[in-house]
Amino acid sequence: MKKRGRTHRNRNIYIYLAVALAITVVALSAFEQIVRPPHPKAAAADYFEIRDAIPTDWEEGSSDSILWVNQVRFNITAVGGDAHRVVIAVPGFAPTSEWFTVDVMAQNVTLDITLEKSELPVRCPKNADGYYEYTTSLDCDEASGRITLLLKE
């Protein structure tokens, strides 16, 4: 009968040790997630390549130095790697369904995008090279920042 008591006591000790070890592992894992600094995002202008940007709708009152753009179309390629949860803002809109979103953009795959007509036209000044600069923001898990589309009228 004495042997049985020791067996139960040893078994209980092993159970307590296993539970303590599991709690320690979970606590250390959570602590590492809190302490470890987040991986910095790349600049959107470096991570993505923008080509063939054209205004598809603009205001009649535009001048030689300013183009008032309502809608723009362009090709975008993720050259820095796969991009996840991509959001491209439409200037003039609060975050809504009008913003362009895609869950996954594979590396070196080009998407043809049209940013829908905004409520107010976007002011695009002409640069020294003769292009109109349409600036918006792009965010994804891997990159974030402002991007400038160079438009030819």
Protein backbone atom coordinates (compact mmCIF):
# COMPACT_ATOMS: atom_id res chain seq x y z
CA MET A 1 0.00 0.00 0.00
CA LYS A 2 2.83 2.44 0.67
CA LYS A 3 4.13 2.07 -2.85
CA ARG A 4 0.83 3.23 -4.30
CA GLY A 5 0.97 6.51 -2.35
CA ARG A 6 4.42 7.29 -3.69
CA THR A 7 3.31 6.50 -7.25
CA HIS A 8 0.40 8.94 -6.97
CA ARG A 9 2.66 11.58 -5.44
CA ASN A 10 5.28 11.12 -8.20
CA ARG A 11 2.60 11.23 -10.87
CA ASN A 12 1.17 14.45 -9.39
CA ILE A 13 4.64 16.02 -9.29
CA TYR A 14 5.15 15.18 -12.98
CA ILE A 15 1.75 16.64 -13.86
CA TYR A 16 2.53 19.87 -11.96
CA LEU A 17 5.93 20.11 -13.64
CA ALA A 18 4.38 19.59 -17.09
CA VAL A 19 1.74 22.27 -16.41
CA ALA A 20 4.39 24.69 -15.09
CA LEU A 21 6.57 24.05 -18.15
CA ALA A 22 3.63 24.67 -20.51
CA ILE A 23 2.74 27.92 -18.73
CA THR A 24 6.38 29.06 -18.86
CA VAL A 25 6.61 28.35 -22.62
CA VAL A 26 3.39 30.24 -23.33
CA ALA A 27 4.47 33.19 -21.16
CA LEU A 28 7.90 33.40 -22.80
CA SER A 29 6.36 33.24 -26.27
CA ALA A 30 3.95 36.07 -25.45
CA PHE A 31 6.76 38.12 -23.88
CA GLU A 32 8.89 37.69 -27.03
CA GLN A 33 6.03 38.97 -29.21
CA ILE A 34 5.70 42.05 -27.00
CA VAL A 35 9.41 42.82 -26.70
CA ARG A 36 10.52 42.05 -30.26
CA PRO A 37 10.35 45.22 -32.37
CA PRO A 38 8.13 45.03 -35.46
CA HIS A 39 9.84 44.48 -38.79
CA PRO A 40 10.10 47.89 -40.52
CA LYS A 41 8.18 48.28 -43.75
CA ALA A 42 9.90 49.10 -47.01
CA ALA A 43 9.12 52.33 -48.86
CA ALA A 44 6.19 51.82 -51.22
CA ALA A 45 8.02 53.65 -54.01
CA ASP A 46 10.87 51.10 -53.80
CA TYR A 47 8.72 47.99 -53.33
CA PHE A 48 6.35 48.72 -56.26
CA GLU A 49 6.94 49.78 -59.84
CA ILE A 50 4.36 52.06 -61.47
CA ARG A 51 4.10 52.28 -65.28
CA ASP A 52 1.79 53.59 -68.00
CA ALA A 53 -0.10 56.04 -65.79
CA ILE A 54 -2.72 58.03 -67.68
CA PRO A 55 -5.57 60.29 -66.58
CA THR A 56 -8.85 58.82 -67.84
CA ASP A 57 -11.02 61.72 -66.65
CA TRP A 58 -9.96 65.30 -65.88
CA GLU A 59 -11.52 68.73 -65.48
CA GLU A 60 -11.86 71.11 -68.41
CA GLY A 61 -10.46 74.06 -66.43
CA SER A 62 -6.95 72.59 -66.28
CA SER A 63 -4.02 74.76 -67.35
CA ASP A 64 -0.57 74.10 -68.76
CA SER A 65 0.95 73.84 -65.27
CA ILE A 66 -1.93 72.15 -63.38
CA LEU A 67 -4.10 69.18 -64.34
CA TRP A 68 -7.23 68.52 -62.25
CA VAL A 69 -7.64 64.72 -62.38
CA ASN A 70 -10.82 62.84 -61.48
CA GLN A 71 -9.77 59.32 -62.46
CA VAL A 72 -6.44 57.65 -63.25
CA ARG A 73 -5.35 54.31 -64.70
CA PHE A 74 -1.92 52.66 -64.29
CA ASN A 75 -0.01 49.39 -64.12
CA ILE A 76 1.57 48.35 -60.82
CA THR A 77 4.05 45.53 -60.16
CA ALA A 78 5.31 44.31 -56.79
CA VAL A 79 9.04 44.10 -57.56
CA GLY A 80 10.20 43.79 -53.93
CA GLY A 81 8.37 40.51 -53.27
CA ASP A 82 4.82 39.32 -52.71
CA ALA A 83 2.53 41.99 -51.26
CA HIS A 84 -0.28 41.16 -48.84
CA ARG A 85 -3.36 43.23 -47.95
CA VAL A 86 -2.59 45.99 -50.46
CA VAL A 87 -4.59 49.23 -50.14
CA ILE A 88 -4.19 52.15 -52.55
CA ALA A 89 -5.98 55.30 -51.44
CA VAL A 90 -8.18 57.33 -53.74
CA PRO A 91 -7.43 60.99 -52.95
CA GLY A 92 -10.54 62.85 -51.89
CA PHE A 93 -12.21 59.80 -50.30
CA ALA A 94 -12.16 58.66 -46.70
CA PRO A 95 -11.28 54.94 -46.33
CA THR A 96 -14.18 53.29 -48.13
CA SER A 97 -14.92 50.67 -50.74
CA GLU A 98 -13.75 53.13 -53.44
CA TRP A 99 -10.15 52.52 -52.38
CA PHE A 100 -8.36 49.82 -54.36
CA THR A 101 -7.70 46.70 -52.27
CA VAL A 102 -6.27 43.27 -53.05
CA ASP A 103 -5.42 40.45 -50.60
CA VAL A 104 -2.31 39.11 -52.34
CA MET A 105 -0.22 40.61 -55.14
CA ALA A 106 2.39 38.13 -56.34
CA GLN A 107 5.90 39.34 -57.05
CA ASN A 108 6.52 40.47 -60.67
CA VAL A 109 2.82 40.16 -61.59
CA THR A 110 1.44 43.38 -63.09
CA LEU A 111 -2.06 44.61 -62.28
CA ASP A 112 -3.96 47.16 -64.37
CA ILE A 113 -5.67 49.49 -61.91
CA THR A 114 -8.15 52.31 -62.30
CA LEU A 115 -8.64 54.52 -59.27
CA GLU A 116 -12.31 55.43 -59.41
CA LYS A 117 -13.49 58.98 -59.84
CA SER A 118 -13.00 60.96 -56.65
CA GLU A 119 -15.56 63.42 -55.32
CA LEU A 120 -13.13 66.30 -55.80
CA PRO A 121 -10.54 66.47 -58.57
CA VAL A 122 -6.92 65.90 -57.56
CA ARG A 123 -4.53 68.77 -58.22
CA CYS A 124 -1.58 67.46 -60.27
CA PRO A 125 1.21 69.99 -60.83
CA LYS A 126 3.45 69.71 -63.89
CA ASN A 127 7.10 68.86 -63.15
CA ALA A 128 10.22 69.99 -65.05
CA ASP A 129 10.08 66.87 -67.29
CA GLY A 130 6.57 67.69 -68.52
CA TYR A 131 4.72 65.07 -66.44
CA TYR A 132 1.81 65.81 -64.11
CA GLU A 133 2.39 64.36 -60.63
CA TYR A 134 -0.56 62.47 -59.09
CA THR A 135 0.38 61.56 -55.51
CA THR A 136 -1.48 59.05 -53.36
CA SER A 137 -0.65 56.57 -50.62
CA LEU A 138 -0.16 52.82 -50.70
CA ASP A 139 -0.03 50.45 -47.75
CA CYS A 140 0.48 46.70 -47.40
CA ASP A 141 2.04 44.33 -44.87
CA GLU A 142 5.47 44.69 -46.49
CA ALA A 143 5.59 48.35 -47.61
CA SER A 144 3.99 51.70 -46.96
CA GLY A 145 4.23 55.28 -48.12
CA ARG A 146 3.38 57.82 -50.76
CA ILE A 147 3.60 56.99 -54.45
CA THR A 148 3.67 59.47 -57.30
CA LEU A 149 2.17 58.59 -60.66
CA LEU A 150 3.70 60.53 -63.56
CA LEU A 151 0.89 61.39 -65.96
CA LYS A 152 1.00 62.54 -69.57
CA GLU A 153 -2.06 64.40 -70.77
